[in-house]
Amino acid sequence: MSDHGMMEKEEIFSKVLRAGRRTYFFDVRSTKAGDYYLTITESKKFTNDDGSFHYKKHKIYLYKEDFNEFNEILKEMTDYIIDEKGDEVISERHQKDFKKEDYNTTSDDVAEGGEFMDDSDSDSADKFTDINFEDI
């Protein structure tokens, strides 16, 4: 195994954040010169049609010379989000009664039960054509 492979396997300090289908790994690593840097890995689980699963991973390498600016921008961005939207999670996944708002609709466009009515769809059943894929 190469020296680089050995360096990647050495764990100096690690933390894990599990967040639903995503897992974040924070790992302190060592450079060849013996200095430390941080890797942040996002691993997301995907399920295949056959029930098996696979992971997609994305990794960020963060070096000491970038820590201050990275921390400042991360804090600024997270503070902005909290200031603008609060810390309550608003999404379809986290709230069963979540309704996506479409700012271009009026109450006349929404049918009973909250379904969006589009005038162009009113005769869509008439426009539907049966296709036999054997003919293609």
C-alpha atoms as a PDB file:
ATOM      1  CA  MET A   1       0.000   0.000   0.000  1.00  0.00           C
ATOM      2  CA  SER A   2       1.334   3.475  -0.770  1.00  0.00           C
ATOM      3  CA  ASP A   3       2.263   6.021   1.878  1.00  0.00           C
ATOM      4  CA  HIS A   4      -0.771   8.093   0.830  1.00  0.00           C
ATOM      5  CA  GLY A   5      -3.062   5.102   1.433  1.00  0.00           C
ATOM      6  CA  MET A   6      -1.610   4.636   4.905  1.00  0.00           C
ATOM      7  CA  MET A   7      -2.089   8.331   5.703  1.00  0.00           C
ATOM      8  CA  GLU A   8      -5.753   8.162   4.675  1.00  0.00           C
ATOM      9  CA  LYS A   9      -6.356   5.227   7.032  1.00  0.00           C
ATOM     10  CA  GLU A  10      -4.690   6.812  10.071  1.00  0.00           C
ATOM     11  CA  GLU A  11      -7.309   8.325  12.349  1.00  0.00           C
ATOM     12  CA  ILE A  12      -5.958  11.067  14.570  1.00  0.00           C
ATOM     13  CA  PHE A  13      -9.331  12.410  15.684  1.00  0.00           C
ATOM     14  CA  SER A  14     -12.791  11.700  14.219  1.00  0.00           C
ATOM     15  CA  LYS A  15     -16.417  12.608  14.785  1.00  0.00           C
ATOM     16  CA  VAL A  16     -19.550  11.327  13.025  1.00  0.00           C
ATOM     17  CA  LEU A  17     -22.851  13.123  12.474  1.00  0.00           C
ATOM     18  CA  ARG A  18     -25.729  10.886  11.371  1.00  0.00           C
ATOM     19  CA  ALA A  19     -28.520  12.841   9.688  1.00  0.00           C
ATOM     20  CA  GLY A  20     -31.153  10.601   8.095  1.00  0.00           C
ATOM     21  CA  ARG A  21     -29.833   9.118   4.848  1.00  0.00           C
ATOM     22  CA  ARG A  22     -26.730  11.288   5.143  1.00  0.00           C
ATOM     23  CA  THR A  23     -23.754  10.741   7.381  1.00  0.00           C
ATOM     24  CA  TYR A  24     -21.025  13.335   7.847  1.00  0.00           C
ATOM     25  CA  PHE A  25     -17.534  12.250   8.847  1.00  0.00           C
ATOM     26  CA  PHE A  26     -15.118  14.813  10.288  1.00  0.00           C
ATOM     27  CA  ASP A  27     -11.574  13.422  10.321  1.00  0.00           C
ATOM     28  CA  VAL A  28      -8.291  15.012  11.363  1.00  0.00           C
ATOM     29  CA  ARG A  29      -5.505  13.707   9.134  1.00  0.00           C
ATOM     30  CA  SER A  30      -1.777  14.297   8.973  1.00  0.00           C
ATOM     31  CA  THR A  31       0.267  15.644   6.060  1.00  0.00           C
ATOM     32  CA  LYS A  32       3.601  14.059   5.115  1.00  0.00           C
ATOM     33  CA  ALA A  33       5.240  16.940   7.004  1.00  0.00           C
ATOM     34  CA  GLY A  34       3.304  16.007  10.152  1.00  0.00           C
ATOM     35  CA  ASP A  35       0.878  18.951  10.118  1.00  0.00           C
ATOM     36  CA  TYR A  36      -2.870  18.380  10.505  1.00  0.00           C
ATOM     37  CA  TYR A  37      -5.772  19.068   8.165  1.00  0.00           C
ATOM     38  CA  LEU A  38      -9.477  18.273   8.204  1.00  0.00           C
ATOM     39  CA  THR A  39     -11.508  16.132   5.840  1.00  0.00           C
ATOM     40  CA  ILE A  40     -15.284  16.406   5.811  1.00  0.00           C
ATOM     41  CA  THR A  41     -17.016  13.530   4.039  1.00  0.00           C
ATOM     42  CA  GLU A  42     -20.716  13.418   3.193  1.00  0.00           C
ATOM     43  CA  SER A  43     -21.944   9.877   2.615  1.00  0.00           C
ATOM     44  CA  LYS A  44     -25.480   9.437   1.311  1.00  0.00           C
ATOM     45  CA  LYS A  45     -27.275   6.087   1.171  1.00  0.00           C
ATOM     46  CA  PHE A  46     -29.244   5.162  -1.950  1.00  0.00           C
ATOM     47  CA  THR A  47     -31.477   2.109  -2.315  1.00  0.00           C
ATOM     48  CA  ASN A  48     -31.478   0.211  -5.599  1.00  0.00           C
ATOM     49  CA  ASP A  49     -34.641  -1.253  -7.159  1.00  0.00           C
ATOM     50  CA  ASP A  50     -33.618  -4.752  -5.999  1.00  0.00           C
ATOM     51  CA  GLY A  51     -33.418  -3.621  -2.358  1.00  0.00           C
ATOM     52  CA  SER A  52     -29.641  -3.459  -2.213  1.00  0.00           C
ATOM     53  CA  PHE A  53     -28.034  -0.126  -1.484  1.00  0.00           C
ATOM     54  CA  HIS A  54     -24.976   1.924  -2.324  1.00  0.00           C
ATOM     55  CA  TYR A  55     -23.370   5.079  -1.002  1.00  0.00           C
ATOM     56  CA  LYS A  56     -22.280   8.235  -2.790  1.00  0.00           C
ATOM     57  CA  LYS A  57     -19.502  10.140  -1.066  1.00  0.00           C
ATOM     58  CA  HIS A  58     -18.232  13.686  -1.385  1.00  0.00           C
ATOM     59  CA  LYS A  59     -15.119  14.854   0.412  1.00  0.00           C
ATOM     60  CA  ILE A  60     -13.754  18.294   1.292  1.00  0.00           C
ATOM     61  CA  TYR A  61     -10.149  18.797   2.353  1.00  0.00           C
ATOM     62  CA  LEU A  62      -9.717  21.794   4.624  1.00  0.00           C
ATOM     63  CA  TYR A  63      -6.239  23.015   5.522  1.00  0.00           C
ATOM     64  CA  LYS A  64      -5.235  25.179   8.494  1.00  0.00           C
ATOM     65  CA  GLU A  65      -4.514  28.251   6.379  1.00  0.00           C
ATOM     66  CA  ASP A  66      -8.206  28.290   5.380  1.00  0.00           C
ATOM     67  CA  PHE A  67      -9.758  27.606   8.811  1.00  0.00           C
ATOM     68  CA  ASN A  68     -10.426  31.212   9.845  1.00  0.00           C
ATOM     69  CA  GLU A  69     -12.101  32.295   6.609  1.00  0.00           C
ATOM     70  CA  PHE A  70     -13.992  29.003   6.329  1.00  0.00           C
ATOM     71  CA  ASN A  71     -15.305  29.344   9.891  1.00  0.00           C
ATOM     72  CA  GLU A  72     -16.276  32.992   9.343  1.00  0.00           C
ATOM     73  CA  ILE A  73     -18.170  32.261   6.126  1.00  0.00           C
ATOM     74  CA  LEU A  74     -19.824  29.135   7.549  1.00  0.00           C
ATOM     75  CA  LYS A  75     -20.994  31.098  10.597  1.00  0.00           C
ATOM     76  CA  GLU A  76     -22.198  33.983   8.417  1.00  0.00           C
ATOM     77  CA  MET A  77     -24.153  31.645   6.135  1.00  0.00           C
ATOM     78  CA  THR A  78     -25.727  29.597   8.944  1.00  0.00           C
ATOM     79  CA  ASP A  79     -26.600  32.762  10.898  1.00  0.00           C
ATOM     80  CA  TYR A  80     -28.215  34.216   7.759  1.00  0.00           C
ATOM     81  CA  ILE A  81     -30.369  31.113   7.274  1.00  0.00           C
ATOM     82  CA  ILE A  82     -31.466  31.071  10.936  1.00  0.00           C
ATOM     83  CA  ASP A  83     -32.153  34.823  10.892  1.00  0.00           C
ATOM     84  CA  GLU A  84     -34.195  34.587   7.688  1.00  0.00           C
ATOM     85  CA  LYS A  85     -36.045  31.295   8.284  1.00  0.00           C
ATOM     86  CA  GLY A  86     -35.632  30.436  11.964  1.00  0.00           C
ATOM     87  CA  ASP A  87     -34.317  27.130  13.203  1.00  0.00           C
ATOM     88  CA  GLU A  88     -37.530  25.173  12.600  1.00  0.00           C
ATOM     89  CA  VAL A  89     -37.156  22.660   9.760  1.00  0.00           C
ATOM     90  CA  ILE A  90     -39.708  23.313   7.030  1.00  0.00           C
ATOM     91  CA  SER A  91     -39.919  20.552   4.442  1.00  0.00           C
ATOM     92  CA  GLU A  92     -42.095  17.812   3.057  1.00  0.00           C
ATOM     93  CA  ARG A  93     -39.884  15.229   4.700  1.00  0.00           C
ATOM     94  CA  HIS A  94     -40.026  16.704   8.210  1.00  0.00           C
ATOM     95  CA  GLN A  95     -43.626  17.901   8.312  1.00  0.00           C
ATOM     96  CA  LYS A  96     -46.493  15.714   7.132  1.00  0.00           C
ATOM     97  CA  ASP A  97     -48.835  18.722   6.676  1.00  0.00           C
ATOM     98  CA  PHE A  98     -46.279  20.706   4.613  1.00  0.00           C
ATOM     99  CA  LYS A  99     -47.825  22.286   1.508  1.00  0.00           C
ATOM    100  CA  LYS A 100     -45.568  23.645  -1.169  1.00  0.00           C
ATOM    101  CA  GLU A 101     -46.592  27.207  -1.973  1.00  0.00           C
ATOM    102  CA  ASP A 102     -46.769  28.390  -5.555  1.00  0.00           C
ATOM    103  CA  TYR A 103     -46.724  32.154  -5.520  1.00  0.00           C
ATOM    104  CA  ASN A 104     -48.171  32.318  -9.051  1.00  0.00           C
ATOM    105  CA  THR A 105     -51.447  30.646  -8.114  1.00  0.00           C
ATOM    106  CA  THR A 106     -54.656  32.125  -6.809  1.00  0.00           C
ATOM    107  CA  SER A 107     -57.324  30.478  -4.699  1.00  0.00           C
ATOM    108  CA  ASP A 108     -59.353  29.983  -7.899  1.00  0.00           C
ATOM    109  CA  ASP A 109     -56.544  27.795  -9.246  1.00  0.00           C
ATOM    110  CA  VAL A 110     -56.699  25.378  -6.315  1.00  0.00           C
ATOM    111  CA  ALA A 111     -59.376  22.682  -6.326  1.00  0.00           C
ATOM    112  CA  GLU A 112     -60.938  21.131  -3.247  1.00  0.00           C
ATOM    113  CA  GLY A 113     -58.338  18.995  -1.492  1.00  0.00           C
ATOM    114  CA  GLY A 114     -55.510  21.390  -2.347  1.00  0.00           C
ATOM    115  CA  GLU A 115     -54.802  20.102  -5.857  1.00  0.00           C
ATOM    116  CA  PHE A 116     -53.610  22.652  -8.382  1.00  0.00           C
ATOM    117  CA  MET A 117     -55.947  23.097 -11.325  1.00  0.00           C
ATOM    118  CA  ASP A 118     -54.398  24.162 -14.627  1.00  0.00           C
ATOM    119  CA  ASP A 119     -56.842  25.171 -17.367  1.00  0.00           C
ATOM    120  CA  SER A 120     -54.598  23.530 -19.944  1.00  0.00           C
ATOM    121  CA  ASP A 121     -55.061  20.208 -18.123  1.00  0.00           C
ATOM    122  CA  SER A 122     -58.850  20.284 -18.214  1.00  0.00           C
ATOM    123  CA  ASP A 123     -58.970  18.461 -21.519  1.00  0.00           C
ATOM    124  CA  SER A 124     -55.723  16.535 -21.114  1.00  0.00           C
ATOM    125  CA  ALA A 125     -57.612  13.228 -21.035  1.00  0.00           C
ATOM    126  CA  ASP A 126     -58.976  14.046 -24.480  1.00  0.00           C
ATOM    127  CA  LYS A 127     -55.458  14.690 -25.764  1.00  0.00           C
ATOM    128  CA  PHE A 128     -54.056  11.434 -24.336  1.00  0.00           C
ATOM    129  CA  THR A 129     -53.082   8.860 -26.943  1.00  0.00           C
ATOM    130  CA  ASP A 130     -52.676   5.160 -26.291  1.00  0.00           C
ATOM    131  CA  ILE A 131     -49.313   4.000 -27.482  1.00  0.00           C
ATOM    132  CA  ASN A 132     -48.458   0.387 -28.130  1.00  0.00           C
ATOM    133  CA  PHE A 133     -44.697   0.073 -27.621  1.00  0.00           C
ATOM    134  CA  GLU A 134     -44.589  -2.907 -29.978  1.00  0.00           C
ATOM    135  CA  ASP A 135     -45.424  -0.446 -32.776  1.00  0.00           C
ATOM    136  CA  ILE A 136     -42.338   1.642 -32.097  1.00  0.00           C
END
